[in-house]
């Protein structure tokens, strides 16, 4: 849990705690500007950001775990950290993430945010140590500035994810039978908690860990792109 060295001070830059709802539009703007600059099609929304930030849990509380970088009074970056205990029972993984307005890249802001993220993670660990080994974790798409930043800070790649696209659904099979005893039924709202818990249980033998709290469930369900009408649940 060594982390990045303290960055050189940047004149006019301040890193402050998340101030609540008033920050949300600027955070959305920063994330979307960065994605657009890097050719990433995903876009954040105010409603989606609000769902993420309005449901604190022990593992992620924006009042504690989210910071905003300002340069001469303008929001230019953000950084968050949360934690999970890995399923092998060996590590507490402090997962770090951030974004910088592309107009303000290559000024050391990302380095300053990463150092602040690590500082807050260390403080959280010091206040509640466990028998697990603390580690820093982060993620970035290959080739993005964040990947170079993490590489330069001594982070090492431990796994990859791939986005895979099927060019057409025209030849997708539509008549695959379910095994005997199973059926698909429309999902109703009172079933959401049971489905959430079953999903979390199904992934408990996967690499890593996740926030399984009720607050994490609300973050997922309140996001505008959560559409239970599209779920296929086998009973």
C-alpha atoms as a PDB file:
ATOM      1  CA  UNK A   1       0.000   0.000   0.000  1.00  0.00           C
ATOM      2  CA  UNK A   2       2.815   2.380  -0.906  1.00  0.00           C
ATOM      3  CA  UNK A   3       1.218   4.555  -3.602  1.00  0.00           C
ATOM      4  CA  UNK A   4       2.209   7.664  -5.520  1.00  0.00           C
ATOM      5  CA  UNK A   5       4.683  10.179  -4.135  1.00  0.00           C
ATOM      6  CA  UNK A   6       3.376  13.571  -3.007  1.00  0.00           C
ATOM      7  CA  UNK A   7       2.864  15.719  -6.132  1.00  0.00           C
ATOM      8  CA  UNK A   8       4.414  19.104  -6.742  1.00  0.00           C
ATOM      9  CA  UNK A   9       1.990  21.848  -5.592  1.00  0.00           C
ATOM     10  CA  UNK A  10      -0.004  23.404  -8.447  1.00  0.00           C
ATOM     11  CA  UNK A  11      -0.597  27.155  -8.059  1.00  0.00           C
ATOM     12  CA  UNK A  12      -4.301  27.880  -7.594  1.00  0.00           C
ATOM     13  CA  UNK A  13      -5.348  24.217  -7.250  1.00  0.00           C
ATOM     14  CA  UNK A  14      -7.449  23.155  -4.290  1.00  0.00           C
ATOM     15  CA  UNK A  15      -8.891  19.717  -3.535  1.00  0.00           C
ATOM     16  CA  UNK A  16     -11.957  19.874  -1.332  1.00  0.00           C
ATOM     17  CA  UNK A  17     -14.586  17.423  -0.078  1.00  0.00           C
ATOM     18  CA  UNK A  18     -17.766  16.806  -2.050  1.00  0.00           C
ATOM     19  CA  UNK A  19     -20.230  19.592  -1.217  1.00  0.00           C
ATOM     20  CA  UNK A  20     -23.456  17.790  -2.085  1.00  0.00           C
ATOM     21  CA  UNK A  21     -26.115  18.253  -4.754  1.00  0.00           C
ATOM     22  CA  UNK A  22     -24.658  21.522  -6.038  1.00  0.00           C
ATOM     23  CA  UNK A  23     -21.567  19.664  -7.278  1.00  0.00           C
ATOM     24  CA  UNK A  24     -23.437  17.080  -9.342  1.00  0.00           C
ATOM     25  CA  UNK A  25     -23.830  18.959 -12.679  1.00  0.00           C
ATOM     26  CA  UNK A  26     -20.132  19.842 -12.780  1.00  0.00           C
ATOM     27  CA  UNK A  27     -19.093  16.274 -11.965  1.00  0.00           C
ATOM     28  CA  UNK A  28     -21.277  15.015 -14.818  1.00  0.00           C
ATOM     29  CA  UNK A  29     -19.756  17.594 -17.160  1.00  0.00           C
ATOM     30  CA  UNK A  30     -16.199  16.524 -16.265  1.00  0.00           C
ATOM     31  CA  UNK A  31     -16.877  12.804 -16.708  1.00  0.00           C
ATOM     32  CA  UNK A  32     -18.623  13.307 -20.060  1.00  0.00           C
ATOM     33  CA  UNK A  33     -15.963  15.695 -21.375  1.00  0.00           C
ATOM     34  CA  UNK A  34     -13.261  13.175 -20.543  1.00  0.00           C
ATOM     35  CA  UNK A  35     -15.175  10.318 -22.190  1.00  0.00           C
ATOM     36  CA  UNK A  36     -15.779  12.387 -25.325  1.00  0.00           C
ATOM     37  CA  UNK A  37     -12.111  13.369 -25.552  1.00  0.00           C
ATOM     38  CA  UNK A  38     -11.049   9.716 -25.302  1.00  0.00           C
ATOM     39  CA  UNK A  39     -13.598   8.337 -27.767  1.00  0.00           C
ATOM     40  CA  UNK A  40     -15.684   6.572 -25.108  1.00  0.00           C
ATOM     41  CA  UNK A  41     -19.372   6.440 -26.050  1.00  0.00           C
ATOM     42  CA  UNK A  42     -20.696   6.069 -22.501  1.00  0.00           C
ATOM     43  CA  UNK A  43     -22.281   9.205 -21.016  1.00  0.00           C
ATOM     44  CA  UNK A  44     -23.198  10.024 -17.429  1.00  0.00           C
ATOM     45  CA  UNK A  45     -26.422  11.804 -16.480  1.00  0.00           C
ATOM     46  CA  UNK A  46     -27.367  14.014 -13.556  1.00  0.00           C
ATOM     47  CA  UNK A  47     -29.955  11.441 -12.490  1.00  0.00           C
ATOM     48  CA  UNK A  48     -27.405   8.641 -12.651  1.00  0.00           C
ATOM     49  CA  UNK A  49     -24.812  10.595 -10.700  1.00  0.00           C
ATOM     50  CA  UNK A  50     -27.429  11.525  -8.133  1.00  0.00           C
ATOM     51  CA  UNK A  51     -28.416   7.866  -7.653  1.00  0.00           C
ATOM     52  CA  UNK A  52     -24.780   6.955  -7.048  1.00  0.00           C
ATOM     53  CA  UNK A  53     -24.135   9.752  -4.563  1.00  0.00           C
ATOM     54  CA  UNK A  54     -27.403   9.802  -2.616  1.00  0.00           C
ATOM     55  CA  UNK A  55     -27.120   6.276  -1.187  1.00  0.00           C
ATOM     56  CA  UNK A  56     -24.121   6.152   1.175  1.00  0.00           C
ATOM     57  CA  UNK A  57     -22.927   2.916   2.743  1.00  0.00           C
ATOM     58  CA  UNK A  58     -20.077   1.862   5.020  1.00  0.00           C
ATOM     59  CA  UNK A  59     -18.014   1.101   1.919  1.00  0.00           C
ATOM     60  CA  UNK A  60     -18.768   4.309   0.037  1.00  0.00           C
ATOM     61  CA  UNK A  61     -19.905   7.587   1.554  1.00  0.00           C
ATOM     62  CA  UNK A  62     -19.434  10.563  -0.808  1.00  0.00           C
ATOM     63  CA  UNK A  63     -19.120  12.977   2.117  1.00  0.00           C
ATOM     64  CA  UNK A  64     -15.995  11.036   3.104  1.00  0.00           C
ATOM     65  CA  UNK A  65     -14.849   9.374  -0.104  1.00  0.00           C
ATOM     66  CA  UNK A  66     -15.364  11.906  -2.900  1.00  0.00           C
ATOM     67  CA  UNK A  67     -13.219  14.990  -3.582  1.00  0.00           C
ATOM     68  CA  UNK A  68     -13.424  17.784  -6.150  1.00  0.00           C
ATOM     69  CA  UNK A  69     -10.427  19.597  -7.647  1.00  0.00           C
ATOM     70  CA  UNK A  70     -10.836  23.311  -8.337  1.00  0.00           C
ATOM     71  CA  UNK A  71      -8.468  25.592 -10.208  1.00  0.00           C
ATOM     72  CA  UNK A  72      -9.101  29.283  -9.698  1.00  0.00           C
ATOM     73  CA  UNK A  73     -12.668  28.560  -8.660  1.00  0.00           C
ATOM     74  CA  UNK A  74     -13.553  26.204 -11.561  1.00  0.00           C
ATOM     75  CA  UNK A  75     -14.194  22.487 -11.031  1.00  0.00           C
ATOM     76  CA  UNK A  76     -11.582  20.652 -13.094  1.00  0.00           C
ATOM     77  CA  UNK A  77     -11.469  17.134 -11.655  1.00  0.00           C
ATOM     78  CA  UNK A  78     -12.897  14.622  -9.223  1.00  0.00           C
ATOM     79  CA  UNK A  79     -11.681  11.563  -7.355  1.00  0.00           C
ATOM     80  CA  UNK A  80     -13.448   8.870  -5.353  1.00  0.00           C
ATOM     81  CA  UNK A  81     -12.471   5.823  -3.378  1.00  0.00           C
ATOM     82  CA  UNK A  82     -14.425   2.939  -1.896  1.00  0.00           C
ATOM     83  CA  UNK A  83     -13.401  -0.411  -0.489  1.00  0.00           C
ATOM     84  CA  UNK A  84     -14.268  -4.095  -0.729  1.00  0.00           C
ATOM     85  CA  UNK A  85     -12.943  -7.132   1.102  1.00  0.00           C
ATOM     86  CA  UNK A  86     -11.763  -9.641  -1.484  1.00  0.00           C
ATOM     87  CA  UNK A  87     -13.559 -12.952  -1.548  1.00  0.00           C
ATOM     88  CA  UNK A  88     -10.373 -14.932  -0.871  1.00  0.00           C
ATOM     89  CA  UNK A  89     -10.301 -13.389   2.602  1.00  0.00           C
ATOM     90  CA  UNK A  90      -6.842 -11.893   2.087  1.00  0.00           C
ATOM     91  CA  UNK A  91      -7.152  -8.202   1.167  1.00  0.00           C
ATOM     92  CA  UNK A  92      -9.135  -5.020   1.722  1.00  0.00           C
ATOM     93  CA  UNK A  93      -9.061  -3.414  -1.715  1.00  0.00           C
ATOM     94  CA  UNK A  94      -9.347   0.371  -1.725  1.00  0.00           C
ATOM     95  CA  UNK A  95     -10.634   1.071  -5.226  1.00  0.00           C
ATOM     96  CA  UNK A  96      -9.616   4.450  -6.562  1.00  0.00           C
ATOM     97  CA  UNK A  97     -11.128   6.352  -9.480  1.00  0.00           C
ATOM     98  CA  UNK A  98     -10.971   9.845 -10.898  1.00  0.00           C
ATOM     99  CA  UNK A  99     -11.548  12.134 -13.869  1.00  0.00           C
ATOM    100  CA  UNK A 100      -9.962  15.374 -15.107  1.00  0.00           C
ATOM    101  CA  UNK A 101     -11.444  17.959 -17.472  1.00  0.00           C
ATOM    102  CA  UNK A 102      -9.508  17.447 -20.761  1.00  0.00           C
ATOM    103  CA  UNK A 103      -8.863  21.198 -20.997  1.00  0.00           C
ATOM    104  CA  UNK A 104      -6.727  20.914 -17.856  1.00  0.00           C
ATOM    105  CA  UNK A 105      -4.760  17.762 -18.593  1.00  0.00           C
ATOM    106  CA  UNK A 106      -0.966  17.506 -18.315  1.00  0.00           C
ATOM    107  CA  UNK A 107      -0.786  19.972 -15.432  1.00  0.00           C
ATOM    108  CA  UNK A 108      -0.372  17.411 -12.658  1.00  0.00           C
ATOM    109  CA  UNK A 109      -4.019  17.503 -11.553  1.00  0.00           C
ATOM    110  CA  UNK A 110      -4.527  13.763 -12.031  1.00  0.00           C
ATOM    111  CA  UNK A 111      -1.394  13.042  -9.993  1.00  0.00           C
ATOM    112  CA  UNK A 112      -2.628  15.344  -7.220  1.00  0.00           C
ATOM    113  CA  UNK A 113      -6.052  13.660  -7.182  1.00  0.00           C
ATOM    114  CA  UNK A 114      -4.518  10.184  -7.086  1.00  0.00           C
ATOM    115  CA  UNK A 115      -2.321  11.184  -4.143  1.00  0.00           C
ATOM    116  CA  UNK A 116      -5.359  12.628  -2.341  1.00  0.00           C
ATOM    117  CA  UNK A 117      -7.342   9.456  -3.035  1.00  0.00           C
ATOM    118  CA  UNK A 118      -4.562   7.365  -1.535  1.00  0.00           C
ATOM    119  CA  UNK A 119      -4.288   9.691   1.473  1.00  0.00           C
ATOM    120  CA  UNK A 120      -7.982   9.321   2.252  1.00  0.00           C
ATOM    121  CA  UNK A 121      -7.812   5.540   1.830  1.00  0.00           C
ATOM    122  CA  UNK A 122      -4.889   5.339   4.255  1.00  0.00           C
ATOM    123  CA  UNK A 123      -6.793   7.435   6.782  1.00  0.00           C
ATOM    124  CA  UNK A 124      -9.821   5.163   6.496  1.00  0.00           C
ATOM    125  CA  UNK A 125      -7.640   2.095   6.960  1.00  0.00           C
ATOM    126  CA  UNK A 126      -5.889   3.593   9.982  1.00  0.00           C
ATOM    127  CA  UNK A 127      -9.230   4.302  11.664  1.00  0.00           C
ATOM    128  CA  UNK A 128     -10.514   0.731  11.216  1.00  0.00           C
ATOM    129  CA  UNK A 129      -7.692  -1.754  10.491  1.00  0.00           C
ATOM    130  CA  UNK A 130      -8.528  -5.423   9.998  1.00  0.00           C
ATOM    131  CA  UNK A 131      -6.516  -8.594   9.699  1.00  0.00           C
ATOM    132  CA  UNK A 132      -6.640  -8.214   5.919  1.00  0.00           C
ATOM    133  CA  UNK A 133      -3.796  -6.810   3.830  1.00  0.00           C
ATOM    134  CA  UNK A 134      -4.648  -3.303   2.527  1.00  0.00           C
ATOM    135  CA  UNK A 135      -4.043  -2.640  -1.180  1.00  0.00           C
ATOM    136  CA  UNK A 136      -4.801   0.119  -3.653  1.00  0.00           C
ATOM    137  CA  UNK A 137      -6.774  -0.847  -6.757  1.00  0.00           C
ATOM    138  CA  UNK A 138      -7.857   1.178  -9.776  1.00  0.00           C
ATOM    139  CA  UNK A 139      -9.116   0.688 -13.321  1.00  0.00           C
ATOM    140  CA  UNK A 140      -8.842   2.426 -16.678  1.00  0.00           C
ATOM    141  CA  UNK A 141      -9.446   1.673 -20.318  1.00  0.00           C
ATOM    142  CA  UNK A 142      -6.241   0.804 -22.160  1.00  0.00           C
ATOM    143  CA  UNK A 143      -4.610   3.858 -23.733  1.00  0.00           C
ATOM    144  CA  UNK A 144      -6.427   6.479 -21.652  1.00  0.00           C
ATOM    145  CA  UNK A 145      -4.382   9.039 -19.706  1.00  0.00           C
ATOM    146  CA  UNK A 146      -5.429   7.429 -16.411  1.00  0.00           C
ATOM    147  CA  UNK A 147      -3.775   4.173 -17.492  1.00  0.00           C
ATOM    148  CA  UNK A 148      -0.482   5.982 -18.059  1.00  0.00           C
ATOM    149  CA  UNK A 149      -0.850   7.800 -14.748  1.00  0.00           C
ATOM    150  CA  UNK A 150      -1.382   4.540 -12.861  1.00  0.00           C
ATOM    151  CA  UNK A 151       1.489   2.849 -14.642  1.00  0.00           C
ATOM    152  CA  UNK A 152       3.802   5.716 -13.743  1.00  0.00           C
ATOM    153  CA  UNK A 153       2.656   5.554 -10.109  1.00  0.00           C
ATOM    154  CA  UNK A 154       3.712   1.922  -9.810  1.00  0.00           C
ATOM    155  CA  UNK A 155       0.373   0.180 -10.269  1.00  0.00           C
ATOM    156  CA  UNK A 156       0.519  -3.194 -12.048  1.00  0.00           C
ATOM    157  CA  UNK A 157      -2.089  -4.812 -14.285  1.00  0.00           C
ATOM    158  CA  UNK A 158      -3.725  -7.805 -12.581  1.00  0.00           C
ATOM    159  CA  UNK A 159      -6.678  -8.487 -14.893  1.00  0.00           C
ATOM    160  CA  UNK A 160      -8.337  -7.323 -18.112  1.00  0.00           C
ATOM    161  CA  UNK A 161     -11.937  -6.795 -19.185  1.00  0.00           C
ATOM    162  CA  UNK A 162     -13.135  -6.759 -22.777  1.00  0.00           C
ATOM    163  CA  UNK A 163     -16.174  -5.100 -24.345  1.00  0.00           C
ATOM    164  CA  UNK A 164     -17.575  -7.504 -26.939  1.00  0.00           C
ATOM    165  CA  UNK A 165     -20.132  -6.552 -29.583  1.00  0.00           C
ATOM    166  CA  UNK A 166     -22.257  -8.959 -31.609  1.00  0.00           C
ATOM    167  CA  UNK A 167     -22.675  -7.415 -35.072  1.00  0.00           C
ATOM    168  CA  UNK A 168     -26.251  -8.614 -35.533  1.00  0.00           C
ATOM    169  CA  UNK A 169     -29.027 -10.462 -33.713  1.00  0.00           C
ATOM    170  CA  UNK A 170     -30.581 -11.703 -36.954  1.00  0.00           C
ATOM    171  CA  UNK A 171     -29.155 -15.212 -36.556  1.00  0.00           C
ATOM    172  CA  UNK A 172     -29.450 -15.430 -32.758  1.00  0.00           C
ATOM    173  CA  UNK A 173     -31.329 -18.555 -31.607  1.00  0.00           C
ATOM    174  CA  UNK A 174     -34.801 -17.848 -30.267  1.00  0.00           C
ATOM    175  CA  UNK A 175     -36.124 -21.333 -29.455  1.00  0.00           C
ATOM    176  CA  UNK A 176     -33.664 -22.557 -26.817  1.00  0.00           C
ATOM    177  CA  UNK A 177     -35.715 -24.467 -24.218  1.00  0.00           C
ATOM    178  CA  UNK A 178     -35.269 -23.945 -20.478  1.00  0.00           C
ATOM    179  CA  UNK A 179     -34.351 -26.980 -18.369  1.00  0.00           C
ATOM    180  CA  UNK A 180     -37.260 -28.826 -16.791  1.00  0.00           C
ATOM    181  CA  UNK A 181     -38.644 -27.061 -13.733  1.00  0.00           C
ATOM    182  CA  UNK A 182     -37.512 -23.553 -14.752  1.00  0.00           C
ATOM    183  CA  UNK A 183     -39.653 -20.765 -16.136  1.00  0.00           C
ATOM    184  CA  UNK A 184     -39.310 -17.081 -17.038  1.00  0.00           C
ATOM    185  CA  UNK A 185     -41.802 -14.704 -15.410  1.00  0.00           C
ATOM    186  CA  UNK A 186     -42.261 -10.919 -15.554  1.00  0.00           C
ATOM    187  CA  UNK A 187     -40.459  -9.132 -12.721  1.00  0.00           C
ATOM    188  CA  UNK A 188     -42.420  -7.164 -10.114  1.00  0.00           C
ATOM    189  CA  UNK A 189     -41.052  -4.465  -7.806  1.00  0.00           C
ATOM    190  CA  UNK A 190     -41.437  -6.517  -4.622  1.00  0.00           C
ATOM    191  CA  UNK A 191     -39.073  -9.110  -6.128  1.00  0.00           C
ATOM    192  CA  UNK A 192     -36.187  -6.651  -6.670  1.00  0.00           C
ATOM    193  CA  UNK A 193     -34.456  -7.272  -3.296  1.00  0.00           C
ATOM    194  CA  UNK A 194     -34.556 -11.058  -3.697  1.00  0.00           C
ATOM    195  CA  UNK A 195     -33.197 -10.816  -7.248  1.00  0.00           C
ATOM    196  CA  UNK A 196     -30.455  -8.429  -6.114  1.00  0.00           C
ATOM    197  CA  UNK A 197     -29.422 -10.797  -3.309  1.00  0.00           C
ATOM    198  CA  UNK A 198     -29.428 -13.798  -5.655  1.00  0.00           C
ATOM    199  CA  UNK A 199     -27.210 -11.910  -8.114  1.00  0.00           C
ATOM    200  CA  UNK A 200     -24.752 -10.953  -5.369  1.00  0.00           C
ATOM    201  CA  UNK A 201     -24.682 -14.555  -4.128  1.00  0.00           C
ATOM    202  CA  UNK A 202     -24.055 -15.870  -7.631  1.00  0.00           C
ATOM    203  CA  UNK A 203     -20.898 -13.762  -7.909  1.00  0.00           C
ATOM    204  CA  UNK A 204     -19.411 -14.568  -4.501  1.00  0.00           C
ATOM    205  CA  UNK A 205     -16.914 -17.026  -5.986  1.00  0.00           C
ATOM    206  CA  UNK A 206     -15.638 -14.494  -8.533  1.00  0.00           C
ATOM    207  CA  UNK A 207     -12.331 -12.675  -8.262  1.00  0.00           C
ATOM    208  CA  UNK A 208     -12.537  -9.535  -6.134  1.00  0.00           C
ATOM    209  CA  UNK A 209     -15.482  -8.349  -4.050  1.00  0.00           C
ATOM    210  CA  UNK A 210     -18.471  -6.020  -4.089  1.00  0.00           C
ATOM    211  CA  UNK A 211     -20.639  -3.815  -1.917  1.00  0.00           C
ATOM    212  CA  UNK A 212     -23.651  -5.981  -1.037  1.00  0.00           C
ATOM    213  CA  UNK A 213     -25.436  -3.393   1.095  1.00  0.00           C
ATOM    214  CA  UNK A 214     -29.012  -2.207   0.656  1.00  0.00           C
ATOM    215  CA  UNK A 215     -27.602   1.208  -0.273  1.00  0.00           C
ATOM    216  CA  UNK A 216     -25.657  -0.371  -3.147  1.00  0.00           C
ATOM    217  CA  UNK A 217     -28.884  -1.996  -4.331  1.00  0.00           C
ATOM    218  CA  UNK A 218     -30.618   1.408  -4.296  1.00  0.00           C
ATOM    219  CA  UNK A 219     -27.766   2.983  -6.290  1.00  0.00           C
ATOM    220  CA  UNK A 220     -28.336   0.328  -8.941  1.00  0.00           C
ATOM    221  CA  UNK A 221     -32.130   0.444  -9.030  1.00  0.00           C
ATOM    222  CA  UNK A 222     -32.404   4.247  -8.947  1.00  0.00           C
ATOM    223  CA  UNK A 223     -30.025   4.719 -11.879  1.00  0.00           C
ATOM    224  CA  UNK A 224     -31.930   5.849 -14.994  1.00  0.00           C
ATOM    225  CA  UNK A 225     -30.473   3.056 -17.122  1.00  0.00           C
ATOM    226  CA  UNK A 226     -31.781   0.337 -14.766  1.00  0.00           C
ATOM    227  CA  UNK A 227     -34.747  -1.175 -16.610  1.00  0.00           C
ATOM    228  CA  UNK A 228     -36.187  -4.263 -14.862  1.00  0.00           C
ATOM    229  CA  UNK A 229     -38.555  -4.787 -17.797  1.00  0.00           C
ATOM    230  CA  UNK A 230     -35.516  -6.071 -19.702  1.00  0.00           C
ATOM    231  CA  UNK A 231     -34.503  -8.589 -17.014  1.00  0.00           C
ATOM    232  CA  UNK A 232     -34.837 -12.292 -17.750  1.00  0.00           C
ATOM    233  CA  UNK A 233     -35.165 -14.066 -14.402  1.00  0.00           C
ATOM    234  CA  UNK A 234     -35.439 -17.827 -14.198  1.00  0.00           C
ATOM    235  CA  UNK A 235     -37.591 -19.283 -11.418  1.00  0.00           C
END
